[in-house]
């Protein structure tokens, strides 16, 4: 992150070698805090969460920015309690490895359960006919939000919504299974290639007819 003058967590060369040798944990980990950096995971009440639990990644160290230029409200919000709040959600394992789970704003809350959109996207990307996938939450009067998958098929291929749902259901908890699967030709991205999920959410709100529920 620019606000952290680069990276706050690292995997050293030995960890990279172990990952390439087959240690799957290391292939999915962001790393451990670097020298002079303290990383915590906190809940919405700023309480530190237990090892293995998910919380927002907050950072303290000499490399952390002093604040946003000419934006005191944003600085005050980001630096609550003297910790820089990254807006990313992660978890630590028993060996102190940090895993980035999702952006906090992209976590879907359905029926009181939290769903990391990235986790569902990783499963969808494993399907050979899927070129790209983005997962968002859509408003639901009963559940609060429903999981919605927006999928771009590979050229010349097609994806069946029921097949996408079954794939997720076979690998993740039932409440993480998309209730809606929408296929599109492309996903909106910014100049760096990041998917613009806010734009996707607005598009879905403007096209409710796309949300025919399938189970």
N, C-alpha and C. Protein backbone atom coordinates (compact mmCIF):
# COMPACT_ATOMS: atom_id res chain seq x y z
N UNK A 1 0.84 -1.19 0.00
CA UNK A 1 0.00 0.00 0.00
C UNK A 1 0.88 1.25 0.00
N UNK A 2 0.46 2.26 -0.73
CA UNK A 2 1.19 3.52 -0.73
C UNK A 2 1.29 4.08 0.68
N UNK A 3 0.21 3.94 1.45
CA UNK A 3 0.19 4.48 2.82
C UNK A 3 1.21 3.80 3.73
N UNK A 4 1.69 2.62 3.33
CA UNK A 4 2.67 1.89 4.14
C UNK A 4 4.07 1.96 3.53
N UNK A 5 4.26 2.86 2.57
CA UNK A 5 5.55 3.00 1.89
C UNK A 5 5.99 1.68 1.27
N UNK A 6 5.02 0.93 0.78
CA UNK A 6 5.33 -0.38 0.19
C UNK A 6 4.71 -1.51 0.98
N UNK A 7 5.49 -2.54 1.22
CA UNK A 7 4.98 -3.73 1.91
C UNK A 7 5.19 -3.62 3.42
N UNK A 8 4.27 -4.21 4.16
CA UNK A 8 4.42 -4.32 5.61
C UNK A 8 4.71 -5.75 6.03
N UNK A 9 4.35 -6.71 5.18
CA UNK A 9 4.60 -8.13 5.48
C UNK A 9 5.35 -8.75 4.31
N UNK A 10 6.17 -9.76 4.62
CA UNK A 10 7.05 -10.36 3.62
C UNK A 10 7.15 -11.86 3.83
N UNK A 11 7.47 -12.57 2.75
CA UNK A 11 7.93 -13.95 2.83
C UNK A 11 9.42 -13.95 2.48
N UNK A 12 10.26 -14.51 3.35
CA UNK A 12 11.69 -14.51 3.08
C UNK A 12 12.03 -15.58 2.03
N UNK A 13 13.25 -15.59 1.51
CA UNK A 13 13.62 -16.55 0.46
C UNK A 13 13.38 -18.01 0.86
N UNK A 14 13.65 -18.34 2.13
CA UNK A 14 13.44 -19.72 2.57
C UNK A 14 11.97 -20.11 2.49
N UNK A 15 11.08 -19.17 2.83
CA UNK A 15 9.64 -19.44 2.75
C UNK A 15 9.21 -19.63 1.31
N UNK A 16 9.76 -18.84 0.40
CA UNK A 16 9.44 -19.01 -1.01
C UNK A 16 9.87 -20.39 -1.50
N UNK A 17 11.05 -20.83 -1.08
CA UNK A 17 11.52 -22.14 -1.51
C UNK A 17 10.63 -23.25 -0.98
N UNK A 18 10.19 -23.11 0.28
CA UNK A 18 9.29 -24.13 0.84
C UNK A 18 7.95 -24.12 0.12
N UNK A 19 7.48 -22.94 -0.23
CA UNK A 19 6.22 -22.85 -0.97
C UNK A 19 6.31 -23.53 -2.32
N UNK A 20 7.40 -23.27 -3.04
CA UNK A 20 7.59 -23.89 -4.35
C UNK A 20 7.80 -25.39 -4.25
N UNK A 21 8.25 -25.84 -3.08
CA UNK A 21 8.46 -27.27 -2.87
C UNK A 21 7.17 -27.99 -2.49
N UNK A 22 6.08 -27.20 -2.32
CA UNK A 22 4.80 -27.86 -2.08
C UNK A 22 4.07 -27.45 -0.83
N UNK A 23 4.61 -26.51 -0.03
CA UNK A 23 3.91 -26.05 1.17
C UNK A 23 2.82 -25.07 0.76
N UNK A 24 1.59 -25.57 0.62
CA UNK A 24 0.49 -24.78 0.09
C UNK A 24 0.17 -23.58 0.97
N UNK A 25 0.42 -23.68 2.27
CA UNK A 25 0.15 -22.55 3.16
C UNK A 25 0.92 -21.31 2.71
N UNK A 26 2.17 -21.52 2.35
CA UNK A 26 3.01 -20.39 1.99
C UNK A 26 2.62 -19.79 0.64
N UNK A 27 2.09 -20.62 -0.24
CA UNK A 27 1.65 -20.10 -1.54
C UNK A 27 0.45 -19.16 -1.39
N UNK A 28 -0.33 -19.33 -0.33
CA UNK A 28 -1.50 -18.48 -0.14
C UNK A 28 -1.31 -17.38 0.88
N UNK A 29 -0.13 -17.32 1.51
CA UNK A 29 0.09 -16.35 2.58
C UNK A 29 0.70 -15.06 2.06
N UNK A 30 0.39 -13.94 2.73
CA UNK A 30 1.02 -12.66 2.41
C UNK A 30 2.40 -12.57 3.04
N UNK A 31 2.58 -13.19 4.20
CA UNK A 31 3.87 -13.19 4.86
C UNK A 31 3.77 -12.87 6.33
N UNK A 32 4.92 -12.50 6.91
CA UNK A 32 4.99 -12.09 8.31
C UNK A 32 5.40 -10.62 8.37
N UNK A 33 5.04 -9.92 9.46
CA UNK A 33 5.42 -8.51 9.57
C UNK A 33 6.93 -8.32 9.45
N UNK A 34 7.33 -7.27 8.73
CA UNK A 34 8.74 -6.97 8.56
C UNK A 34 9.32 -6.27 9.77
N UNK A 35 10.62 -6.01 9.76
CA UNK A 35 11.28 -5.34 10.89
C UNK A 35 10.65 -3.99 11.20
N UNK A 36 10.38 -3.74 12.47
CA UNK A 36 9.83 -2.47 12.89
C UNK A 36 8.36 -2.27 12.60
N UNK A 37 7.69 -3.32 12.15
CA UNK A 37 6.27 -3.23 11.81
C UNK A 37 5.45 -4.09 12.77
N UNK A 38 4.36 -3.55 13.27
CA UNK A 38 3.43 -4.31 14.11
C UNK A 38 2.11 -4.41 13.36
N UNK A 39 1.60 -5.62 13.23
CA UNK A 39 0.33 -5.86 12.53
C UNK A 39 -0.64 -6.53 13.49
N UNK A 40 -1.84 -6.01 13.57
CA UNK A 40 -2.89 -6.61 14.37
C UNK A 40 -4.12 -6.82 13.50
N UNK A 41 -5.01 -7.68 13.97
CA UNK A 41 -6.31 -7.88 13.34
C UNK A 41 -7.37 -7.52 14.36
N UNK A 42 -8.29 -6.62 13.99
CA UNK A 42 -9.28 -6.14 14.95
C UNK A 42 -10.69 -6.28 14.39
N UNK A 43 -11.65 -6.34 15.31
CA UNK A 43 -13.06 -6.39 14.91
C UNK A 43 -13.60 -4.97 14.80
N UNK A 44 -14.91 -4.85 14.60
CA UNK A 44 -15.51 -3.53 14.40
C UNK A 44 -15.45 -2.65 15.64
N UNK A 45 -15.21 -3.28 16.81
CA UNK A 45 -15.07 -2.53 18.06
C UNK A 45 -13.62 -2.29 18.43
N UNK A 46 -12.71 -2.52 17.47
CA UNK A 46 -11.28 -2.31 17.64
C UNK A 46 -10.65 -3.29 18.64
N UNK A 47 -11.31 -4.41 18.88
CA UNK A 47 -10.75 -5.44 19.75
C UNK A 47 -9.97 -6.44 18.91
N UNK A 48 -8.80 -6.85 19.41
CA UNK A 48 -7.98 -7.80 18.67
C UNK A 48 -8.66 -9.16 18.62
N UNK A 49 -8.66 -9.78 17.45
CA UNK A 49 -9.32 -11.08 17.30
C UNK A 49 -8.33 -12.20 17.59
N UNK A 50 -8.86 -13.38 17.84
CA UNK A 50 -8.03 -14.54 18.16
C UNK A 50 -7.34 -15.08 16.91
N UNK A 51 -6.25 -15.79 17.10
CA UNK A 51 -5.56 -16.45 15.99
C UNK A 51 -6.53 -17.35 15.23
N UNK A 52 -6.53 -17.23 13.92
CA UNK A 52 -7.44 -18.01 13.09
C UNK A 52 -8.72 -17.30 12.75
N UNK A 53 -9.08 -16.27 13.56
CA UNK A 53 -10.28 -15.50 13.27
C UNK A 53 -9.96 -14.37 12.30
N UNK A 54 -11.00 -13.86 11.66
CA UNK A 54 -10.84 -12.82 10.64
C UNK A 54 -11.07 -11.45 11.26
N UNK A 55 -10.22 -10.50 10.89
CA UNK A 55 -10.39 -9.13 11.35
C UNK A 55 -9.74 -8.16 10.38
N UNK A 56 -10.00 -6.85 10.59
CA UNK A 56 -9.36 -5.86 9.72
C UNK A 56 -7.88 -5.75 10.06
N UNK A 57 -7.06 -5.65 9.03
CA UNK A 57 -5.61 -5.54 9.20
C UNK A 57 -5.28 -4.09 9.54
N UNK A 58 -4.67 -3.88 10.72
CA UNK A 58 -4.22 -2.54 11.12
C UNK A 58 -2.71 -2.61 11.37
N UNK A 59 -2.03 -1.50 11.08
CA UNK A 59 -0.57 -1.50 11.08
C UNK A 59 -0.03 -0.29 11.84
N UNK A 60 1.08 -0.53 12.56
CA UNK A 60 1.80 0.57 13.21
C UNK A 60 3.29 0.40 12.92
N UNK A 61 3.97 1.50 12.62
CA UNK A 61 5.40 1.44 12.35
C UNK A 61 5.89 2.74 11.76
N UNK A 62 7.22 2.89 11.72
CA UNK A 62 7.81 4.14 11.24
C UNK A 62 7.51 4.38 9.76
N UNK A 63 7.23 3.31 9.02
CA UNK A 63 6.98 3.45 7.59
C UNK A 63 5.57 3.91 7.26
N UNK A 64 4.68 3.92 8.25
CA UNK A 64 3.29 4.29 8.00
C UNK A 64 3.20 5.80 7.75
N UNK A 65 2.35 6.18 6.82
CA UNK A 65 2.20 7.58 6.45
C UNK A 65 1.82 8.43 7.66
N UNK A 66 2.12 9.73 7.56
CA UNK A 66 1.69 10.67 8.60
C UNK A 66 0.24 11.06 8.42
N UNK A 67 -0.27 11.02 7.19
CA UNK A 67 -1.65 11.37 6.93
C UNK A 67 -1.87 11.67 5.47
N UNK A 68 -3.14 11.86 5.10
CA UNK A 68 -3.51 12.21 3.73
C UNK A 68 -3.40 13.72 3.53
N UNK A 69 -2.86 14.13 2.38
CA UNK A 69 -2.62 15.54 2.10
C UNK A 69 -3.94 16.32 2.07
N UNK A 70 -4.02 17.30 2.94
CA UNK A 70 -5.17 18.22 2.98
C UNK A 70 -6.50 17.47 3.17
N UNK A 71 -6.49 16.38 3.90
CA UNK A 71 -7.73 15.63 4.14
C UNK A 71 -7.72 15.10 5.58
N UNK A 72 -7.96 16.02 6.51
CA UNK A 72 -7.92 15.65 7.92
C UNK A 72 -8.98 14.62 8.31
N UNK A 73 -10.24 14.73 7.79
CA UNK A 73 -11.23 13.71 8.15
C UNK A 73 -10.81 12.30 7.74
N UNK A 74 -10.26 12.15 6.52
CA UNK A 74 -9.82 10.83 6.07
C UNK A 74 -8.66 10.33 6.91
N UNK A 75 -7.75 11.23 7.28
CA UNK A 75 -6.61 10.85 8.12
C UNK A 75 -7.09 10.38 9.49
N UNK A 76 -8.01 11.13 10.09
CA UNK A 76 -8.53 10.76 11.41
C UNK A 76 -9.20 9.40 11.37
N UNK A 77 -9.96 9.14 10.31
CA UNK A 77 -10.64 7.85 10.18
C UNK A 77 -9.65 6.71 9.98
N UNK A 78 -8.66 6.92 9.12
CA UNK A 78 -7.71 5.84 8.82
C UNK A 78 -6.78 5.54 9.98
N UNK A 79 -6.46 6.56 10.81
CA UNK A 79 -5.47 6.39 11.87
C UNK A 79 -6.10 6.26 13.25
N UNK A 80 -7.27 5.66 13.32
CA UNK A 80 -7.97 5.53 14.59
C UNK A 80 -7.11 4.79 15.62
N UNK A 81 -6.99 5.39 16.81
CA UNK A 81 -6.25 4.75 17.89
C UNK A 81 -4.76 4.65 17.65
N UNK A 82 -4.24 5.39 16.67
CA UNK A 82 -2.82 5.34 16.38
C UNK A 82 -2.41 4.21 15.47
N UNK A 83 -3.39 3.49 14.92
CA UNK A 83 -3.12 2.39 14.00
C UNK A 83 -3.67 2.74 12.63
N UNK A 84 -2.91 2.44 11.57
CA UNK A 84 -3.43 2.65 10.23
C UNK A 84 -4.35 1.49 9.87
N UNK A 85 -5.59 1.82 9.52
CA UNK A 85 -6.60 0.83 9.16
C UNK A 85 -6.57 0.64 7.64
N UNK A 86 -6.16 -0.54 7.21
CA UNK A 86 -5.91 -0.79 5.79
C UNK A 86 -7.18 -0.96 4.97
N UNK A 87 -8.28 -1.35 5.61
CA UNK A 87 -9.49 -1.68 4.86
C UNK A 87 -9.46 -3.09 4.32
N UNK A 88 -8.36 -3.82 4.58
CA UNK A 88 -8.27 -5.23 4.18
C UNK A 88 -8.62 -6.11 5.36
N UNK A 89 -9.16 -7.28 5.07
CA UNK A 89 -9.53 -8.25 6.09
C UNK A 89 -8.59 -9.45 5.96
N UNK A 90 -8.10 -9.94 7.08
CA UNK A 90 -7.17 -11.06 7.03
C UNK A 90 -7.27 -11.94 8.27
N UNK A 91 -6.40 -12.95 8.30
CA UNK A 91 -6.31 -13.84 9.47
C UNK A 91 -4.86 -14.28 9.64
N UNK A 92 -4.48 -14.58 10.87
CA UNK A 92 -3.17 -15.15 11.19
C UNK A 92 -3.33 -16.63 11.47
N UNK A 93 -2.34 -17.43 11.04
CA UNK A 93 -2.35 -18.84 11.45
C UNK A 93 -1.45 -19.02 12.67
N UNK A 94 -1.33 -20.24 13.14
CA UNK A 94 -0.57 -20.50 14.36
C UNK A 94 0.92 -20.22 14.21
N UNK A 95 1.41 -20.12 12.97
CA UNK A 95 2.82 -19.82 12.73
C UNK A 95 3.08 -18.34 12.47
N UNK A 96 2.06 -17.52 12.67
CA UNK A 96 2.24 -16.09 12.48
C UNK A 96 2.18 -15.62 11.05
N UNK A 97 1.71 -16.46 10.15
CA UNK A 97 1.56 -16.07 8.75
C UNK A 97 0.24 -15.33 8.56
N UNK A 98 0.30 -14.23 7.85
CA UNK A 98 -0.89 -13.43 7.57
C UNK A 98 -1.46 -13.81 6.21
N UNK A 99 -2.77 -14.00 6.17
CA UNK A 99 -3.48 -14.28 4.92
C UNK A 99 -4.48 -13.15 4.69
N UNK A 100 -4.45 -12.54 3.52
CA UNK A 100 -5.42 -11.50 3.17
C UNK A 100 -6.66 -12.19 2.62
N UNK A 101 -7.79 -11.94 3.25
CA UNK A 101 -9.03 -12.63 2.90
C UNK A 101 -9.86 -11.83 1.90
N UNK A 102 -9.96 -10.53 2.11
CA UNK A 102 -10.83 -9.71 1.24
C UNK A 102 -10.66 -8.25 1.60
N UNK A 103 -11.25 -7.38 0.78
CA UNK A 103 -11.43 -5.99 1.19
C UNK A 103 -12.63 -5.95 2.14
N UNK A 104 -12.52 -5.15 3.19
CA UNK A 104 -13.59 -5.10 4.19
C UNK A 104 -14.92 -4.71 3.56
N UNK A 105 -14.89 -3.77 2.62
CA UNK A 105 -16.14 -3.29 2.01
C UNK A 105 -16.74 -4.34 1.08
N UNK A 106 -15.96 -5.37 0.71
CA UNK A 106 -16.46 -6.40 -0.21
C UNK A 106 -16.95 -7.65 0.52
N UNK A 107 -16.82 -7.69 1.85
CA UNK A 107 -17.35 -8.82 2.60
C UNK A 107 -18.88 -8.77 2.57
N UNK A 108 -19.49 -9.89 2.25
CA UNK A 108 -20.95 -10.00 2.13
C UNK A 108 -21.51 -10.57 3.42
N UNK A 109 -22.53 -9.93 3.95
CA UNK A 109 -23.18 -10.42 5.18
C UNK A 109 -24.55 -10.95 4.80
N UNK A 110 -24.70 -12.27 4.87
CA UNK A 110 -25.95 -12.91 4.49
C UNK A 110 -26.46 -13.76 5.64
N UNK A 111 -27.64 -13.43 6.13
CA UNK A 111 -28.20 -14.18 7.25
C UNK A 111 -27.32 -14.16 8.49
N UNK A 112 -26.58 -13.06 8.69
CA UNK A 112 -25.70 -12.95 9.85
C UNK A 112 -24.35 -13.61 9.67
N UNK A 113 -24.10 -14.24 8.52
CA UNK A 113 -22.82 -14.90 8.24
C UNK A 113 -22.00 -14.04 7.28
N UNK A 114 -20.69 -13.99 7.53
CA UNK A 114 -19.79 -13.23 6.65
C UNK A 114 -19.26 -14.12 5.54
N UNK A 115 -19.30 -13.60 4.33
CA UNK A 115 -18.78 -14.32 3.16
C UNK A 115 -17.70 -13.45 2.52
N UNK A 116 -16.49 -13.97 2.41
CA UNK A 116 -15.41 -13.27 1.72
C UNK A 116 -15.59 -13.48 0.22
N UNK A 117 -15.80 -12.40 -0.51
CA UNK A 117 -16.05 -12.52 -1.95
C UNK A 117 -14.87 -13.18 -2.65
N UNK A 118 -13.67 -12.90 -2.19
CA UNK A 118 -12.48 -13.46 -2.84
C UNK A 118 -12.44 -14.98 -2.75
N UNK A 119 -12.91 -15.52 -1.63
CA UNK A 119 -12.91 -16.97 -1.45
C UNK A 119 -13.82 -17.64 -2.48
N UNK A 120 -14.98 -17.06 -2.73
CA UNK A 120 -15.91 -17.61 -3.72
C UNK A 120 -15.34 -17.42 -5.12
N UNK A 121 -14.73 -16.28 -5.37
CA UNK A 121 -14.13 -16.02 -6.68
C UNK A 121 -13.04 -17.04 -7.00
N UNK A 122 -12.23 -17.39 -6.01
CA UNK A 122 -11.16 -18.37 -6.24
C UNK A 122 -11.73 -19.71 -6.70
N UNK A 123 -12.86 -20.11 -6.12
CA UNK A 123 -13.49 -21.37 -6.53
C UNK A 123 -14.00 -21.25 -7.96
N UNK A 124 -14.67 -20.16 -8.28
CA UNK A 124 -15.21 -19.97 -9.63
C UNK A 124 -14.10 -19.94 -10.67
N UNK A 125 -12.98 -19.32 -10.33
CA UNK A 125 -11.85 -19.25 -11.27
C UNK A 125 -11.25 -20.61 -11.56
N UNK A 126 -11.51 -21.59 -10.71
CA UNK A 126 -10.95 -22.92 -10.93
C UNK A 126 -11.69 -23.68 -12.03
N UNK A 127 -12.86 -23.18 -12.45
CA UNK A 127 -13.62 -23.87 -13.50
C UNK A 127 -12.98 -23.58 -14.86
N UNK A 128 -12.78 -24.58 -15.68
CA UNK A 128 -12.06 -24.38 -16.95
C UNK A 128 -12.77 -23.46 -17.94
N UNK A 129 -14.08 -23.26 -17.80
CA UNK A 129 -14.81 -22.41 -18.74
C UNK A 129 -14.94 -20.97 -18.27
N UNK A 130 -14.39 -20.67 -17.08
CA UNK A 130 -14.52 -19.32 -16.51
C UNK A 130 -13.24 -18.53 -16.77
N UNK A 131 -13.38 -17.40 -17.44
CA UNK A 131 -12.24 -16.52 -17.68
C UNK A 131 -12.04 -15.55 -16.53
N UNK A 132 -13.14 -14.93 -16.07
CA UNK A 132 -13.09 -13.99 -14.95
C UNK A 132 -14.36 -14.16 -14.13
N UNK A 133 -14.26 -13.77 -12.86
CA UNK A 133 -15.44 -13.82 -11.99
C UNK A 133 -15.30 -12.76 -10.91
N UNK A 134 -16.41 -12.15 -10.59
CA UNK A 134 -16.47 -11.19 -9.49
C UNK A 134 -17.70 -11.52 -8.65
N UNK A 135 -17.55 -11.44 -7.35
CA UNK A 135 -18.65 -11.78 -6.44
C UNK A 135 -18.99 -10.54 -5.61
N UNK A 136 -20.27 -10.21 -5.56
CA UNK A 136 -20.74 -9.04 -4.82
C UNK A 136 -21.95 -9.44 -3.99
N UNK A 137 -22.33 -8.57 -3.08
CA UNK A 137 -23.56 -8.75 -2.32
C UNK A 137 -24.67 -7.92 -2.93
N UNK A 138 -25.86 -8.51 -3.01
CA UNK A 138 -27.03 -7.77 -3.48
C UNK A 138 -28.08 -7.78 -2.38
N UNK A 139 -28.78 -6.69 -2.27
CA UNK A 139 -29.73 -6.51 -1.17
C UNK A 139 -30.84 -7.55 -1.21
N UNK A 140 -31.21 -8.05 -0.02
CA UNK A 140 -32.30 -9.01 0.11
C UNK A 140 -33.07 -8.70 1.38
N UNK A 141 -34.40 -8.62 1.27
CA UNK A 141 -35.23 -8.23 2.41
C UNK A 141 -35.15 -9.21 3.56
N UNK A 142 -34.94 -10.50 3.27
CA UNK A 142 -34.93 -11.51 4.32
C UNK A 142 -33.52 -11.76 4.87
N UNK A 143 -32.54 -11.93 3.96
CA UNK A 143 -31.19 -12.31 4.37
C UNK A 143 -30.26 -11.13 4.59
N UNK A 144 -30.70 -9.93 4.23
CA UNK A 144 -29.81 -8.77 4.30
C UNK A 144 -29.08 -8.59 2.99
N UNK A 145 -28.28 -9.59 2.63
CA UNK A 145 -27.62 -9.62 1.33
C UNK A 145 -27.62 -11.05 0.83
N UNK A 146 -27.60 -11.20 -0.48
CA UNK A 146 -27.39 -12.49 -1.13
C UNK A 146 -26.07 -12.45 -1.88
N UNK A 147 -25.45 -13.61 -2.02
CA UNK A 147 -24.22 -13.72 -2.79
C UNK A 147 -24.57 -13.77 -4.28
N UNK A 148 -23.93 -12.90 -5.05
CA UNK A 148 -24.18 -12.83 -6.49
C UNK A 148 -22.84 -12.96 -7.22
N UNK A 149 -22.76 -13.91 -8.13
CA UNK A 149 -21.55 -14.12 -8.93
C UNK A 149 -21.77 -13.57 -10.33
N UNK A 150 -20.82 -12.78 -10.80
CA UNK A 150 -20.85 -12.26 -12.16
C UNK A 150 -19.67 -12.86 -12.90
N UNK A 151 -19.96 -13.62 -13.94
CA UNK A 151 -18.97 -14.49 -14.56
C UNK A 151 -18.77 -14.13 -16.03
N UNK A 152 -17.51 -14.12 -16.45
CA UNK A 152 -17.16 -13.95 -17.87
C UNK A 152 -16.67 -15.30 -18.38
N UNK A 153 -17.38 -15.94 -19.30
CA UNK A 153 -16.91 -17.22 -19.84
C UNK A 153 -15.70 -17.03 -20.75
N UNK A 154 -14.92 -18.09 -20.90
CA UNK A 154 -13.83 -18.07 -21.87
C UNK A 154 -14.42 -18.01 -23.28
N UNK A 155 -13.67 -17.47 -24.23
CA UNK A 155 -14.18 -17.36 -25.61
C UNK A 155 -14.65 -18.71 -26.15
N UNK A 156 -15.85 -18.70 -26.71
CA UNK A 156 -16.40 -19.92 -27.28
C UNK A 156 -16.99 -20.88 -26.26
N UNK A 157 -16.98 -20.51 -24.98
CA UNK A 157 -17.52 -21.37 -23.93
C UNK A 157 -18.78 -20.74 -23.34
N UNK A 158 -19.51 -21.54 -22.60
CA UNK A 158 -20.68 -21.06 -21.88
C UNK A 158 -20.65 -21.64 -20.47
N UNK A 159 -21.23 -20.92 -19.54
CA UNK A 159 -21.29 -21.42 -18.16
C UNK A 159 -22.75 -21.49 -17.74
N UNK A 160 -23.10 -22.58 -17.09
CA UNK A 160 -24.46 -22.76 -16.58
C UNK A 160 -24.53 -22.31 -15.13
N UNK A 161 -25.48 -21.42 -14.80
CA UNK A 161 -25.57 -20.97 -13.41
C UNK A 161 -25.63 -22.11 -12.40
N UNK A 162 -26.43 -23.14 -12.69
CA UNK A 162 -26.56 -24.25 -11.73
C UNK A 162 -25.23 -24.95 -11.52
N UNK A 163 -24.42 -25.03 -12.57
CA UNK A 163 -23.11 -25.68 -12.45
C UNK A 163 -22.17 -24.84 -11.58
N UNK A 164 -22.22 -23.52 -11.74
CA UNK A 164 -21.39 -22.64 -10.93
C UNK A 164 -21.77 -22.74 -9.45
N UNK A 165 -23.07 -22.79 -9.20
CA UNK A 165 -23.54 -22.91 -7.81
C UNK A 165 -23.09 -24.22 -7.19
N UNK A 166 -23.22 -25.29 -7.94
CA UNK A 166 -22.84 -26.60 -7.42
C UNK A 166 -21.34 -26.68 -7.15
N UNK A 167 -20.55 -26.04 -8.00
CA UNK A 167 -19.11 -26.03 -7.79
C UNK A 167 -18.76 -25.37 -6.46
N UNK A 168 -19.35 -24.22 -6.20
CA UNK A 168 -19.08 -23.53 -4.93
C UNK A 168 -19.60 -24.34 -3.75
N UNK A 169 -20.80 -24.89 -3.91
CA UNK A 169 -21.40 -25.67 -2.83
C UNK A 169 -20.56 -26.90 -2.47
N UNK A 170 -19.87 -27.45 -3.46
CA UNK A 170 -19.07 -28.65 -3.21
C UNK A 170 -17.78 -28.35 -2.46
N UNK A 171 -17.39 -27.06 -2.41
CA UNK A 171 -16.10 -26.72 -1.79
C UNK A 171 -16.21 -25.81 -0.58
N UNK A 172 -17.32 -25.07 -0.48
CA UNK A 172 -17.48 -24.12 0.60
C UNK A 172 -18.78 -24.37 1.34
N UNK A 173 -18.95 -23.67 2.46
CA UNK A 173 -20.18 -23.79 3.24
C UNK A 173 -21.38 -23.36 2.39
N UNK A 174 -22.53 -23.93 2.66
CA UNK A 174 -23.72 -23.69 1.87
C UNK A 174 -24.10 -22.23 1.78
N UNK A 175 -23.91 -21.45 2.87
CA UNK A 175 -24.34 -20.05 2.84
C UNK A 175 -23.43 -19.20 1.94
N UNK A 176 -22.30 -19.75 1.51
CA UNK A 176 -21.40 -19.03 0.61
C UNK A 176 -21.74 -19.27 -0.86
N UNK A 177 -22.67 -20.17 -1.11
CA UNK A 177 -23.06 -20.49 -2.49
C UNK A 177 -23.84 -19.33 -3.10
N UNK A 178 -23.48 -18.86 -4.29
CA UNK A 178 -24.24 -17.78 -4.92
C UNK A 178 -25.70 -18.16 -5.14
N UNK A 179 -26.59 -17.24 -4.83
CA UNK A 179 -28.00 -17.42 -5.16
C UNK A 179 -28.30 -16.89 -6.56
N UNK A 180 -27.41 -16.08 -7.07
CA UNK A 180 -27.56 -15.53 -8.40
C UNK A 180 -26.24 -15.69 -9.15
N UNK A 181 -26.32 -16.08 -10.41
CA UNK A 181 -25.15 -16.14 -11.29
C UNK A 181 -25.52 -15.41 -12.59
N UNK A 182 -24.77 -14.38 -12.90
CA UNK A 182 -25.02 -13.57 -14.09
C UNK A 182 -23.79 -13.66 -14.99
N UNK A 183 -24.00 -13.91 -16.28
CA UNK A 183 -22.89 -13.96 -17.22
C UNK A 183 -22.83 -12.67 -18.03
N UNK A 184 -21.60 -12.18 -18.24
CA UNK A 184 -21.37 -10.94 -18.98
C UNK A 184 -20.17 -11.14 -19.91
N UNK A 185 -19.99 -10.21 -20.84
CA UNK A 185 -18.87 -10.29 -21.77
C UNK A 185 -17.57 -9.77 -21.17
N UNK A 186 -17.69 -8.85 -20.21
CA UNK A 186 -16.49 -8.27 -19.59
C UNK A 186 -16.86 -7.69 -18.25
N UNK A 187 -15.85 -7.52 -17.39
CA UNK A 187 -16.02 -6.87 -16.10
C UNK A 187 -15.43 -5.47 -16.16
N UNK A 188 -16.07 -4.50 -15.51
CA UNK A 188 -15.51 -3.14 -15.51
C UNK A 188 -14.26 -3.10 -14.64
N UNK A 189 -13.20 -2.48 -15.15
CA UNK A 189 -11.94 -2.40 -14.41
C UNK A 189 -11.38 -0.98 -14.50
N UNK A 190 -10.47 -0.68 -13.57
CA UNK A 190 -9.77 0.60 -13.64
C UNK A 190 -8.49 0.45 -14.47
N UNK A 191 -7.68 1.49 -14.51
CA UNK A 191 -6.49 1.48 -15.36
C UNK A 191 -5.49 0.40 -14.98
N UNK A 192 -5.51 -0.02 -13.70
CA UNK A 192 -4.57 -1.04 -13.26
C UNK A 192 -5.15 -2.45 -13.34
N UNK A 193 -6.37 -2.56 -13.88
CA UNK A 193 -6.98 -3.87 -14.06
C UNK A 193 -7.82 -4.36 -12.89
N UNK A 194 -7.99 -3.54 -11.86
CA UNK A 194 -8.79 -3.94 -10.70
C UNK A 194 -10.28 -3.85 -11.03
N UNK A 195 -11.02 -4.89 -10.66
CA UNK A 195 -12.45 -4.91 -10.94
C UNK A 195 -13.16 -3.86 -10.09
N UNK A 196 -14.02 -3.08 -10.73
CA UNK A 196 -14.76 -2.01 -10.05
C UNK A 196 -16.08 -2.57 -9.53
N UNK A 197 -16.04 -3.08 -8.31
CA UNK A 197 -17.22 -3.74 -7.76
C UNK A 197 -18.35 -2.75 -7.46
N UNK A 198 -18.00 -1.52 -7.12
CA UNK A 198 -19.06 -0.53 -6.88
C UNK A 198 -19.87 -0.32 -8.16
N UNK A 199 -19.19 -0.33 -9.29
CA UNK A 199 -19.89 -0.17 -10.57
C UNK A 199 -20.77 -1.39 -10.85
N UNK A 200 -20.27 -2.57 -10.52
CA UNK A 200 -21.08 -3.78 -10.69
C UNK A 200 -22.33 -3.73 -9.82
N UNK A 201 -22.18 -3.27 -8.59
CA UNK A 201 -23.34 -3.19 -7.69
C UNK A 201 -24.39 -2.24 -8.25
N UNK A 202 -23.95 -1.10 -8.77
CA UNK A 202 -24.90 -0.14 -9.35
C UNK A 202 -25.58 -0.74 -10.57
N UNK A 203 -24.83 -1.47 -11.37
CA UNK A 203 -25.38 -2.08 -12.58
C UNK A 203 -26.45 -3.11 -12.22
N UNK A 204 -26.19 -3.92 -11.21
CA UNK A 204 -27.16 -4.93 -10.79
C UNK A 204 -28.43 -4.26 -10.25
N UNK A 205 -28.27 -3.18 -9.48
CA UNK A 205 -29.44 -2.46 -8.97
C UNK A 205 -30.29 -1.94 -10.12
N UNK A 206 -29.64 -1.51 -11.20
CA UNK A 206 -30.36 -0.97 -12.35
C UNK A 206 -30.97 -2.07 -13.23
N UNK A 207 -30.58 -3.33 -13.01
CA UNK A 207 -31.08 -4.44 -13.84
C UNK A 207 -31.54 -5.60 -12.94
N UNK A 208 -32.57 -5.37 -12.14
CA UNK A 208 -33.03 -6.42 -11.22
C UNK A 208 -33.55 -7.65 -11.92
N UNK A 209 -33.89 -7.52 -13.21
CA UNK A 209 -34.41 -8.68 -13.93
C UNK A 209 -33.33 -9.75 -14.10
N UNK A 210 -32.07 -9.40 -13.89
CA UNK A 210 -30.99 -10.38 -14.02
C UNK A 210 -30.90 -11.32 -12.82
N UNK A 211 -31.57 -10.97 -11.75
CA UNK A 211 -31.43 -11.71 -10.50
C UNK A 211 -32.52 -12.75 -10.31
N UNK A 212 -32.76 -13.53 -11.33
CA UNK A 212 -33.67 -14.67 -11.18
C UNK A 212 -32.99 -15.68 -10.29
N UNK A 213 -33.59 -15.98 -9.16
CA UNK A 213 -32.94 -16.86 -8.18
C UNK A 213 -33.00 -18.30 -8.61
N UNK A 214 -31.88 -18.97 -8.46
CA UNK A 214 -31.80 -20.42 -8.75
C UNK A 214 -31.18 -21.11 -7.55
N UNK A 215 -31.61 -22.30 -7.30
CA UNK A 215 -31.03 -23.07 -6.18
C UNK A 215 -30.56 -24.41 -6.70
